All heavy atoms as atom14 arrays in JSON, in Angstrom:
{
  "sequence": "PMVATSEIKNKAKREEVYGKQKLEKAKAKRQKRKDQKKEEDK",
  "atom14_mask": [
    [1, 1, 1, 1, 1, 1, 1, 0, 0, 0, 0, 0, 0, 0],
    [1, 1, 1, 1, 1, 1, 1, 1, 0, 0, 0, 0, 0, 0],
    [1, 1, 1, 1, 1, 1, 1, 0, 0, 0, 0, 0, 0, 0],
    [1, 1, 1, 1, 1, 0, 0, 0, 0, 0, 0, 0, 0, 0],
    [1, 1, 1, 1, 1, 1, 1, 0, 0, 0, 0, 0, 0, 0],
    [1, 1, 1, 1, 1, 1, 0, 0, 0, 0, 0, 0, 0, 0],
    [1, 1, 1, 1, 1, 1, 1, 1, 1, 0, 0, 0, 0, 0],
    [1, 1, 1, 1, 1, 1, 1, 1, 0, 0, 0, 0, 0, 0],
    [1, 1, 1, 1, 1, 1, 1, 1, 1, 0, 0, 0, 0, 0],
    [1, 1, 1, 1, 1, 1, 1, 1, 0, 0, 0, 0, 0, 0],
    [1, 1, 1, 1, 1, 1, 1, 1, 1, 0, 0, 0, 0, 0],
    [1, 1, 1, 1, 1, 0, 0, 0, 0, 0, 0, 0, 0, 0],
    [1, 1, 1, 1, 1, 1, 1, 1, 1, 0, 0, 0, 0, 0],
    [1, 1, 1, 1, 1, 1, 1, 1, 1, 1, 1, 0, 0, 0],
    [1, 1, 1, 1, 1, 1, 1, 1, 1, 0, 0, 0, 0, 0],
    [1, 1, 1, 1, 1, 1, 1, 1, 1, 0, 0, 0, 0, 0],
    [1, 1, 1, 1, 1, 1, 1, 0, 0, 0, 0, 0, 0, 0],
    [1, 1, 1, 1, 1, 1, 1, 1, 1, 1, 1, 1, 0, 0],
    [1, 1, 1, 1, 0, 0, 0, 0, 0, 0, 0, 0, 0, 0],
    [1, 1, 1, 1, 1, 1, 1, 1, 1, 0, 0, 0, 0, 0],
    [1, 1, 1, 1, 1, 1, 1, 1, 1, 0, 0, 0, 0, 0],
    [1, 1, 1, 1, 1, 1, 1, 1, 1, 0, 0, 0, 0, 0],
    [1, 1, 1, 1, 1, 1, 1, 1, 0, 0, 0, 0, 0, 0],
    [1, 1, 1, 1, 1, 1, 1, 1, 1, 0, 0, 0, 0, 0],
    [1, 1, 1, 1, 1, 1, 1, 1, 1, 0, 0, 0, 0, 0],
    [1, 1, 1, 1, 1, 0, 0, 0, 0, 0, 0, 0, 0, 0],
    [1, 1, 1, 1, 1, 1, 1, 1, 1, 0, 0, 0, 0, 0],
    [1, 1, 1, 1, 1, 0, 0, 0, 0, 0, 0, 0, 0, 0],
    [1, 1, 1, 1, 1, 1, 1, 1, 1, 0, 0, 0, 0, 0],
    [1, 1, 1, 1, 1, 1, 1, 1, 1, 1, 1, 0, 0, 0],
    [1, 1, 1, 1, 1, 1, 1, 1, 1, 0, 0, 0, 0, 0],
    [1, 1, 1, 1, 1, 1, 1, 1, 1, 0, 0, 0, 0, 0],
    [1, 1, 1, 1, 1, 1, 1, 1, 1, 1, 1, 0, 0, 0],
    [1, 1, 1, 1, 1, 1, 1, 1, 1, 0, 0, 0, 0, 0],
    [1, 1, 1, 1, 1, 1, 1, 1, 0, 0, 0, 0, 0, 0],
    [1, 1, 1, 1, 1, 1, 1, 1, 1, 0, 0, 0, 0, 0],
    [1, 1, 1, 1, 1, 1, 1, 1, 1, 0, 0, 0, 0, 0],
    [1, 1, 1, 1, 1, 1, 1, 1, 1, 0, 0, 0, 0, 0],
    [1, 1, 1, 1, 1, 1, 1, 1, 1, 0, 0, 0, 0, 0],
    [1, 1, 1, 1, 1, 1, 1, 1, 1, 0, 0, 0, 0, 0],
    [1, 1, 1, 1, 1, 1, 1, 1, 0, 0, 0, 0, 0, 0],
    [1, 1, 1, 1, 1, 1, 1, 1, 1, 0, 0, 0, 0, 0]
  ],
  "atom14_positions": [
    [[191.94, 178.93, 105.57], [191.51, 180.21, 104.67], [190.78, 179.71, 103.46], [191.11, 178.85, 102.68], [192.95, 180.74, 104.24], [193.85, 179.68, 104.41], [193.47, 178.82, 105.49], [0.0, 0.0, 0.0], [0.0, 0.0, 0.0], [0.0, 0.0, 0.0], [0.0, 0.0, 0.0], [0.0, 0.0, 0.0], [0.0, 0.0, 0.0], [0.0, 0.0, 0.0]],
    [[189.55, 180.26, 103.36], [188.61, 179.79, 102.37], [188.53, 180.89, 101.26], [188.3, 182.07, 101.46], [187.3, 179.61, 102.95], [187.2, 178.49, 103.93], [187.59, 176.88, 103.25], [186.29, 176.71, 102.05], [0.0, 0.0, 0.0], [0.0, 0.0, 0.0], [0.0, 0.0, 0.0], [0.0, 0.0, 0.0], [0.0, 0.0, 0.0], [0.0, 0.0, 0.0]],
    [[188.75, 180.57, 100.13], [188.7, 181.39, 98.9], [187.6, 180.8, 97.94], [187.64, 179.58, 97.75], [190.02, 181.51, 98.14], [189.79, 182.35, 96.84], [191.1, 182.17, 99.12], [0.0, 0.0, 0.0], [0.0, 0.0, 0.0], [0.0, 0.0, 0.0], [0.0, 0.0, 0.0], [0.0, 0.0, 0.0], [0.0, 0.0, 0.0], [0.0, 0.0, 0.0]],
    [[186.71, 181.54, 97.45], [185.68, 181.06, 96.58], [186.39, 180.65, 95.21], [186.67, 181.59, 94.44], [184.62, 182.03, 96.3], [0.0, 0.0, 0.0], [0.0, 0.0, 0.0], [0.0, 0.0, 0.0], [0.0, 0.0, 0.0], [0.0, 0.0, 0.0], [0.0, 0.0, 0.0], [0.0, 0.0, 0.0], [0.0, 0.0, 0.0], [0.0, 0.0, 0.0]],
    [[186.69, 179.42, 95.07], [187.4, 178.92, 93.82], [186.52, 179.22, 92.54], [187.08, 179.41, 91.45], [187.68, 177.52, 93.95], [186.54, 176.7, 94.21], [188.73, 177.18, 94.95], [0.0, 0.0, 0.0], [0.0, 0.0, 0.0], [0.0, 0.0, 0.0], [0.0, 0.0, 0.0], [0.0, 0.0, 0.0], [0.0, 0.0, 0.0], [0.0, 0.0, 0.0]],
    [[185.14, 179.34, 92.62], [184.47, 179.56, 91.56], [184.66, 180.97, 90.86], [184.36, 181.14, 89.75], [182.91, 179.44, 91.9], [182.61, 180.36, 92.87], [0.0, 0.0, 0.0], [0.0, 0.0, 0.0], [0.0, 0.0, 0.0], [0.0, 0.0, 0.0], [0.0, 0.0, 0.0], [0.0, 0.0, 0.0], [0.0, 0.0, 0.0], [0.0, 0.0, 0.0]],
    [[185.26, 181.89, 91.79], [185.53, 183.23, 91.25], [186.84, 183.32, 90.51], [187.14, 184.33, 89.9], [185.52, 184.2, 92.37], [184.09, 184.22, 93.02], [183.96, 185.21, 94.27], [185.09, 185.79, 94.53], [182.99, 185.38, 94.87], [0.0, 0.0, 0.0], [0.0, 0.0, 0.0], [0.0, 0.0, 0.0], [0.0, 0.0, 0.0], [0.0, 0.0, 0.0]],
    [[187.66, 182.24, 90.58], [189.03, 182.26, 90.01], [188.8, 181.81, 88.56], [188.39, 180.63, 88.25], [190.0, 181.32, 90.79], [190.16, 181.81, 92.18], [191.31, 181.35, 89.94], [190.95, 180.88, 92.97], [0.0, 0.0, 0.0], [0.0, 0.0, 0.0], [0.0, 0.0, 0.0], [0.0, 0.0, 0.0], [0.0, 0.0, 0.0], [0.0, 0.0, 0.0]],
    [[189.0, 182.58, 87.57], [188.76, 182.31, 86.15], [189.77, 181.38, 85.59], [189.53, 180.62, 84.73], [188.72, 183.56, 85.32], [187.48, 184.38, 85.78], [187.45, 185.7, 84.94], [186.22, 186.53, 85.33], [186.16, 187.83, 84.5], [0.0, 0.0, 0.0], [0.0, 0.0, 0.0], [0.0, 0.0, 0.0], [0.0, 0.0, 0.0], [0.0, 0.0, 0.0]],
    [[191.05, 181.48, 85.95], [192.13, 180.73, 85.47], [191.95, 179.23, 85.9], [192.03, 179.02, 87.23], [193.52, 181.24, 85.79], [194.65, 180.53, 85.2], [195.02, 179.43, 85.58], [195.15, 181.05, 84.09], [0.0, 0.0, 0.0], [0.0, 0.0, 0.0], [0.0, 0.0, 0.0], [0.0, 0.0, 0.0], [0.0, 0.0, 0.0], [0.0, 0.0, 0.0]],
    [[191.83, 178.26, 85.07], [191.68, 176.9, 85.45], [192.77, 176.31, 86.32], [192.56, 175.61, 87.28], [191.39, 176.02, 84.32], [191.13, 174.6, 84.56], [190.72, 173.86, 83.29], [190.55, 172.33, 83.68], [190.23, 171.52, 82.48], [0.0, 0.0, 0.0], [0.0, 0.0, 0.0], [0.0, 0.0, 0.0], [0.0, 0.0, 0.0], [0.0, 0.0, 0.0]],
    [[194.0, 176.52, 85.76], [195.15, 176.04, 86.52], [195.38, 176.64, 87.88], [195.52, 175.91, 88.93], [196.49, 176.26, 85.7], [0.0, 0.0, 0.0], [0.0, 0.0, 0.0], [0.0, 0.0, 0.0], [0.0, 0.0, 0.0], [0.0, 0.0, 0.0], [0.0, 0.0, 0.0], [0.0, 0.0, 0.0], [0.0, 0.0, 0.0], [0.0, 0.0, 0.0]],
    [[195.03, 177.9, 88.0], [195.1, 178.57, 89.36], [194.0, 178.03, 90.26], [194.23, 177.86, 91.45], [195.06, 180.02, 89.19], [195.18, 180.84, 90.49], [196.59, 180.73, 91.07], [196.75, 181.49, 92.34], [198.18, 181.36, 92.92], [0.0, 0.0, 0.0], [0.0, 0.0, 0.0], [0.0, 0.0, 0.0], [0.0, 0.0, 0.0], [0.0, 0.0, 0.0]],
    [[192.91, 177.84, 89.68], [191.69, 177.31, 90.47], [191.9, 175.95, 91.02], [191.61, 175.74, 92.21], [190.45, 177.38, 89.47], [189.05, 177.05, 90.17], [187.86, 177.35, 89.35], [187.87, 176.45, 88.13], [187.94, 176.99, 87.0], [188.09, 178.25, 86.79], [187.93, 176.14, 85.86], [0.0, 0.0, 0.0], [0.0, 0.0, 0.0], [0.0, 0.0, 0.0]],
    [[192.55, 175.16, 90.15], [192.77, 173.83, 90.69], [193.89, 173.77, 91.8], [193.9, 173.05, 92.7], [193.28, 172.81, 89.51], [192.07, 172.55, 88.52], [192.52, 171.71, 87.38], [193.78, 171.49, 87.23], [191.66, 171.26, 86.52], [0.0, 0.0, 0.0], [0.0, 0.0, 0.0], [0.0, 0.0, 0.0], [0.0, 0.0, 0.0], [0.0, 0.0, 0.0]],
    [[194.83, 174.74, 91.57], [195.88, 174.79, 92.53], [195.3, 175.31, 93.94], [195.76, 174.63, 94.98], [197.04, 175.83, 92.11], [198.22, 175.89, 93.04], [199.13, 177.09, 92.66], [198.98, 177.56, 91.39], [199.98, 177.51, 93.39], [0.0, 0.0, 0.0], [0.0, 0.0, 0.0], [0.0, 0.0, 0.0], [0.0, 0.0, 0.0], [0.0, 0.0, 0.0]],
    [[194.52, 176.24, 93.9], [193.89, 176.75, 95.18], [193.01, 175.71, 95.81], [193.12, 175.54, 97.01], [193.14, 178.11, 94.9], [192.27, 178.61, 96.13], [194.1, 179.19, 94.43], [0.0, 0.0, 0.0], [0.0, 0.0, 0.0], [0.0, 0.0, 0.0], [0.0, 0.0, 0.0], [0.0, 0.0, 0.0], [0.0, 0.0, 0.0], [0.0, 0.0, 0.0]],
    [[192.29, 175.04, 94.88], [191.31, 173.97, 95.42], [192.04, 172.87, 96.2], [191.82, 172.35, 97.31], [190.45, 173.48, 94.29], [189.69, 172.24, 94.75], [188.5, 172.39, 95.6], [190.04, 170.94, 94.39], [187.78, 171.29, 96.01], [189.31, 169.82, 94.95], [188.13, 170.09, 95.59], [187.42, 169.01, 96.02], [0.0, 0.0, 0.0], [0.0, 0.0, 0.0]],
    [[193.26, 172.48, 95.52], [194.16, 171.48, 96.11], [194.66, 171.81, 97.4], [194.74, 171.0, 98.38], [0.0, 0.0, 0.0], [0.0, 0.0, 0.0], [0.0, 0.0, 0.0], [0.0, 0.0, 0.0], [0.0, 0.0, 0.0], [0.0, 0.0, 0.0], [0.0, 0.0, 0.0], [0.0, 0.0, 0.0], [0.0, 0.0, 0.0], [0.0, 0.0, 0.0]],
    [[195.14, 173.08, 97.54], [195.77, 173.58, 98.74], [194.58, 173.63, 99.96], [194.93, 173.23, 101.07], [196.3, 175.01, 98.6], [197.69, 174.93, 97.77], [198.17, 176.35, 97.64], [199.52, 176.36, 96.87], [200.07, 177.78, 96.65], [0.0, 0.0, 0.0], [0.0, 0.0, 0.0], [0.0, 0.0, 0.0], [0.0, 0.0, 0.0], [0.0, 0.0, 0.0]],
    [[193.49, 174.05, 99.5], [192.4, 174.16, 100.52], [192.05, 172.7, 101.02], [191.84, 172.6, 102.22], [191.19, 174.78, 99.91], [191.28, 176.35, 99.69], [190.03, 176.9, 99.09], [189.12, 176.16, 98.73], [189.99, 178.27, 99.12], [0.0, 0.0, 0.0], [0.0, 0.0, 0.0], [0.0, 0.0, 0.0], [0.0, 0.0, 0.0], [0.0, 0.0, 0.0]],
    [[191.94, 171.81, 100.11], [191.76, 170.44, 100.47], [192.8, 169.86, 101.56], [192.46, 169.19, 102.48], [191.58, 169.54, 99.24], [191.03, 168.14, 99.45], [190.91, 167.43, 98.19], [190.16, 166.06, 98.3], [190.05, 165.38, 97.06], [0.0, 0.0, 0.0], [0.0, 0.0, 0.0], [0.0, 0.0, 0.0], [0.0, 0.0, 0.0], [0.0, 0.0, 0.0]],
    [[194.08, 170.1, 101.28], [195.07, 169.6, 102.05], [195.09, 170.29, 103.44], [195.18, 169.69, 104.43], [196.41, 169.94, 101.44], [196.83, 169.03, 100.24], [198.19, 169.58, 99.67], [197.06, 167.62, 100.65], [0.0, 0.0, 0.0], [0.0, 0.0, 0.0], [0.0, 0.0, 0.0], [0.0, 0.0, 0.0], [0.0, 0.0, 0.0], [0.0, 0.0, 0.0]],
    [[194.73, 171.59, 103.42], [194.58, 172.34, 104.8], [193.43, 171.84, 105.63], [193.48, 171.66, 106.78], [194.41, 173.84, 104.39], [195.73, 174.59, 103.96], [196.65, 174.58, 105.19], [196.23, 174.71, 106.32], [197.87, 174.36, 104.91], [0.0, 0.0, 0.0], [0.0, 0.0, 0.0], [0.0, 0.0, 0.0], [0.0, 0.0, 0.0], [0.0, 0.0, 0.0]],
    [[192.35, 171.49, 104.91], [191.18, 170.94, 105.66], [191.48, 169.54, 106.29], [191.1, 169.27, 107.48], [189.95, 170.66, 104.62], [189.24, 172.03, 104.37], [188.11, 171.77, 103.42], [187.29, 173.03, 103.14], [186.2, 172.74, 102.2], [0.0, 0.0, 0.0], [0.0, 0.0, 0.0], [0.0, 0.0, 0.0], [0.0, 0.0, 0.0], [0.0, 0.0, 0.0]],
    [[192.2, 168.71, 105.53], [192.49, 167.43, 106.06], [193.59, 167.58, 107.19], [193.45, 166.79, 108.19], [193.2, 166.56, 104.89], [0.0, 0.0, 0.0], [0.0, 0.0, 0.0], [0.0, 0.0, 0.0], [0.0, 0.0, 0.0], [0.0, 0.0, 0.0], [0.0, 0.0, 0.0], [0.0, 0.0, 0.0], [0.0, 0.0, 0.0], [0.0, 0.0, 0.0]],
    [[194.49, 168.58, 107.06], [195.48, 168.73, 108.18], [194.78, 169.23, 109.34], [195.15, 168.75, 110.52], [196.44, 169.76, 107.6], [197.79, 169.89, 108.53], [198.73, 170.89, 107.83], [199.96, 170.99, 108.62], [200.92, 171.87, 107.94], [0.0, 0.0, 0.0], [0.0, 0.0, 0.0], [0.0, 0.0, 0.0], [0.0, 0.0, 0.0], [0.0, 0.0, 0.0]],
    [[193.86, 170.19, 109.17], [193.11, 170.6, 110.44], [192.33, 169.51, 111.08], [192.15, 169.55, 112.3], [192.2, 171.76, 110.0], [0.0, 0.0, 0.0], [0.0, 0.0, 0.0], [0.0, 0.0, 0.0], [0.0, 0.0, 0.0], [0.0, 0.0, 0.0], [0.0, 0.0, 0.0], [0.0, 0.0, 0.0], [0.0, 0.0, 0.0], [0.0, 0.0, 0.0]],
    [[191.74, 168.65, 110.27], [190.89, 167.54, 110.79], [191.72, 166.66, 111.56], [191.39, 166.22, 112.68], [190.23, 166.83, 109.59], [189.09, 165.86, 110.04], [188.38, 165.38, 108.82], [187.24, 164.51, 109.21], [186.47, 163.97, 108.03], [0.0, 0.0, 0.0], [0.0, 0.0, 0.0], [0.0, 0.0, 0.0], [0.0, 0.0, 0.0], [0.0, 0.0, 0.0]],
    [[193.01, 166.25, 111.06], [193.92, 165.45, 111.81], [194.33, 165.99, 113.13], [194.39, 165.35, 114.14], [195.05, 165.08, 110.9], [194.8, 164.11, 109.79], [196.18, 163.54, 109.17], [197.04, 164.63, 108.69], [196.99, 165.13, 107.48], [196.07, 164.57, 106.58], [197.81, 166.1, 107.06], [0.0, 0.0, 0.0], [0.0, 0.0, 0.0], [0.0, 0.0, 0.0]],
    [[194.64, 167.26, 113.08], [195.07, 168.02, 114.28], [193.84, 168.04, 115.4], [194.18, 167.88, 116.59], [195.44, 169.44, 114.03], [196.01, 170.2, 115.18], [197.29, 169.59, 115.64], [198.18, 169.18, 114.93], [197.41, 169.48, 117.08], [0.0, 0.0, 0.0], [0.0, 0.0, 0.0], [0.0, 0.0, 0.0], [0.0, 0.0, 0.0], [0.0, 0.0, 0.0]],
    [[192.7, 168.19, 114.93], [191.52, 168.25, 115.8], [191.36, 166.81, 116.48], [191.09, 166.76, 117.72], [190.3, 168.56, 115.05], [188.96, 168.61, 115.91], [187.75, 169.0, 115.14], [186.57, 169.13, 115.9], [185.32, 169.41, 115.12], [0.0, 0.0, 0.0], [0.0, 0.0, 0.0], [0.0, 0.0, 0.0], [0.0, 0.0, 0.0], [0.0, 0.0, 0.0]],
    [[191.58, 165.83, 115.72], [191.51, 164.42, 116.28], [192.67, 164.17, 117.34], [192.35, 163.65, 118.36], [191.58, 163.39, 115.21], [190.27, 163.25, 114.32], [190.43, 162.23, 113.24], [189.14, 162.1, 112.48], [189.05, 161.33, 111.45], [190.06, 160.62, 111.0], [187.89, 161.22, 110.85], [0.0, 0.0, 0.0], [0.0, 0.0, 0.0], [0.0, 0.0, 0.0]],
    [[193.8, 164.68, 117.0], [194.97, 164.5, 117.94], [194.69, 165.24, 119.22], [194.76, 164.74, 120.3], [196.23, 165.03, 117.31], [196.78, 164.1, 116.25], [198.08, 164.75, 115.62], [198.7, 163.89, 114.58], [199.86, 164.55, 114.0], [0.0, 0.0, 0.0], [0.0, 0.0, 0.0], [0.0, 0.0, 0.0], [0.0, 0.0, 0.0], [0.0, 0.0, 0.0]],
    [[194.24, 166.46, 119.19], [193.85, 167.25, 120.3], [192.8, 166.53, 121.17], [192.71, 166.58, 122.29], [193.48, 168.68, 119.91], [194.59, 169.45, 119.28], [195.81, 168.97, 119.51], [194.33, 170.43, 118.58], [0.0, 0.0, 0.0], [0.0, 0.0, 0.0], [0.0, 0.0, 0.0], [0.0, 0.0, 0.0], [0.0, 0.0, 0.0], [0.0, 0.0, 0.0]],
    [[191.73, 166.08, 120.38], [190.62, 165.36, 121.09], [191.13, 164.12, 121.89], [190.67, 163.89, 122.94], [189.52, 165.05, 120.05], [188.26, 164.45, 120.57], [187.33, 164.16, 119.48], [187.6, 163.35, 118.57], [186.07, 164.72, 119.55], [0.0, 0.0, 0.0], [0.0, 0.0, 0.0], [0.0, 0.0, 0.0], [0.0, 0.0, 0.0], [0.0, 0.0, 0.0]],
    [[191.96, 163.4, 121.22], [192.52, 162.17, 121.82], [193.3, 162.55, 123.08], [193.2, 161.77, 124.03], [193.43, 161.41, 120.9], [193.86, 160.04, 121.36], [194.66, 159.25, 120.22], [194.95, 157.94, 120.72], [195.76, 157.87, 121.93], [0.0, 0.0, 0.0], [0.0, 0.0, 0.0], [0.0, 0.0, 0.0], [0.0, 0.0, 0.0], [0.0, 0.0, 0.0]],
    [[194.05, 163.61, 123.04], [194.83, 164.0, 124.11], [193.92, 164.31, 125.39], [194.22, 163.92, 126.6], [195.83, 165.14, 123.91], [196.96, 164.95, 123.07], [197.67, 166.06, 122.81], [198.96, 165.84, 121.83], [199.73, 167.07, 121.56], [0.0, 0.0, 0.0], [0.0, 0.0, 0.0], [0.0, 0.0, 0.0], [0.0, 0.0, 0.0], [0.0, 0.0, 0.0]],
    [[192.88, 165.05, 125.07], [191.93, 165.44, 126.15], [191.17, 164.22, 126.7], [190.92, 164.07, 127.89], [190.92, 166.43, 125.63], [191.58, 167.85, 125.33], [190.51, 168.84, 124.97], [189.24, 168.5, 125.21], [190.86, 169.93, 124.61], [0.0, 0.0, 0.0], [0.0, 0.0, 0.0], [0.0, 0.0, 0.0], [0.0, 0.0, 0.0], [0.0, 0.0, 0.0]],
    [[190.84, 163.26, 125.77], [190.14, 162.06, 126.21], [190.99, 161.08, 127.06], [190.59, 160.28, 127.88], [189.49, 161.35, 125.06], [188.34, 162.13, 124.47], [187.72, 161.49, 123.21], [188.37, 160.58, 122.62], [186.64, 161.93, 122.75], [0.0, 0.0, 0.0], [0.0, 0.0, 0.0], [0.0, 0.0, 0.0], [0.0, 0.0, 0.0], [0.0, 0.0, 0.0]],
    [[192.29, 161.07, 126.7], [193.2, 160.31, 127.38], [193.35, 160.84, 128.87], [193.46, 160.04, 129.83], [194.61, 160.31, 126.77], [194.57, 159.53, 125.48], [193.61, 158.61, 125.32], [195.48, 159.69, 124.68], [0.0, 0.0, 0.0], [0.0, 0.0, 0.0], [0.0, 0.0, 0.0], [0.0, 0.0, 0.0], [0.0, 0.0, 0.0], [0.0, 0.0, 0.0]],
    [[193.29, 162.16, 129.05], [193.27, 162.64, 130.42], [192.0, 162.51, 131.17], [191.98, 162.22, 132.38], [193.6, 164.2, 130.31], [194.99, 164.53, 129.73], [195.19, 165.98, 129.55], [196.55, 166.34, 129.06], [196.69, 167.82, 128.81], [0.0, 0.0, 0.0], [0.0, 0.0, 0.0], [0.0, 0.0, 0.0], [0.0, 0.0, 0.0], [0.0, 0.0, 0.0]]
  ]
}
């Protein structure tokens, strides 16, 4: 889920949302690599 952090005026909330988005992106990237590895093993 992407939220435009530049539109969040509260600095603490903006940093919190940005951190969560960053973790979600990394998690999705790891999952994509795992799925890709399973298919390539087959």
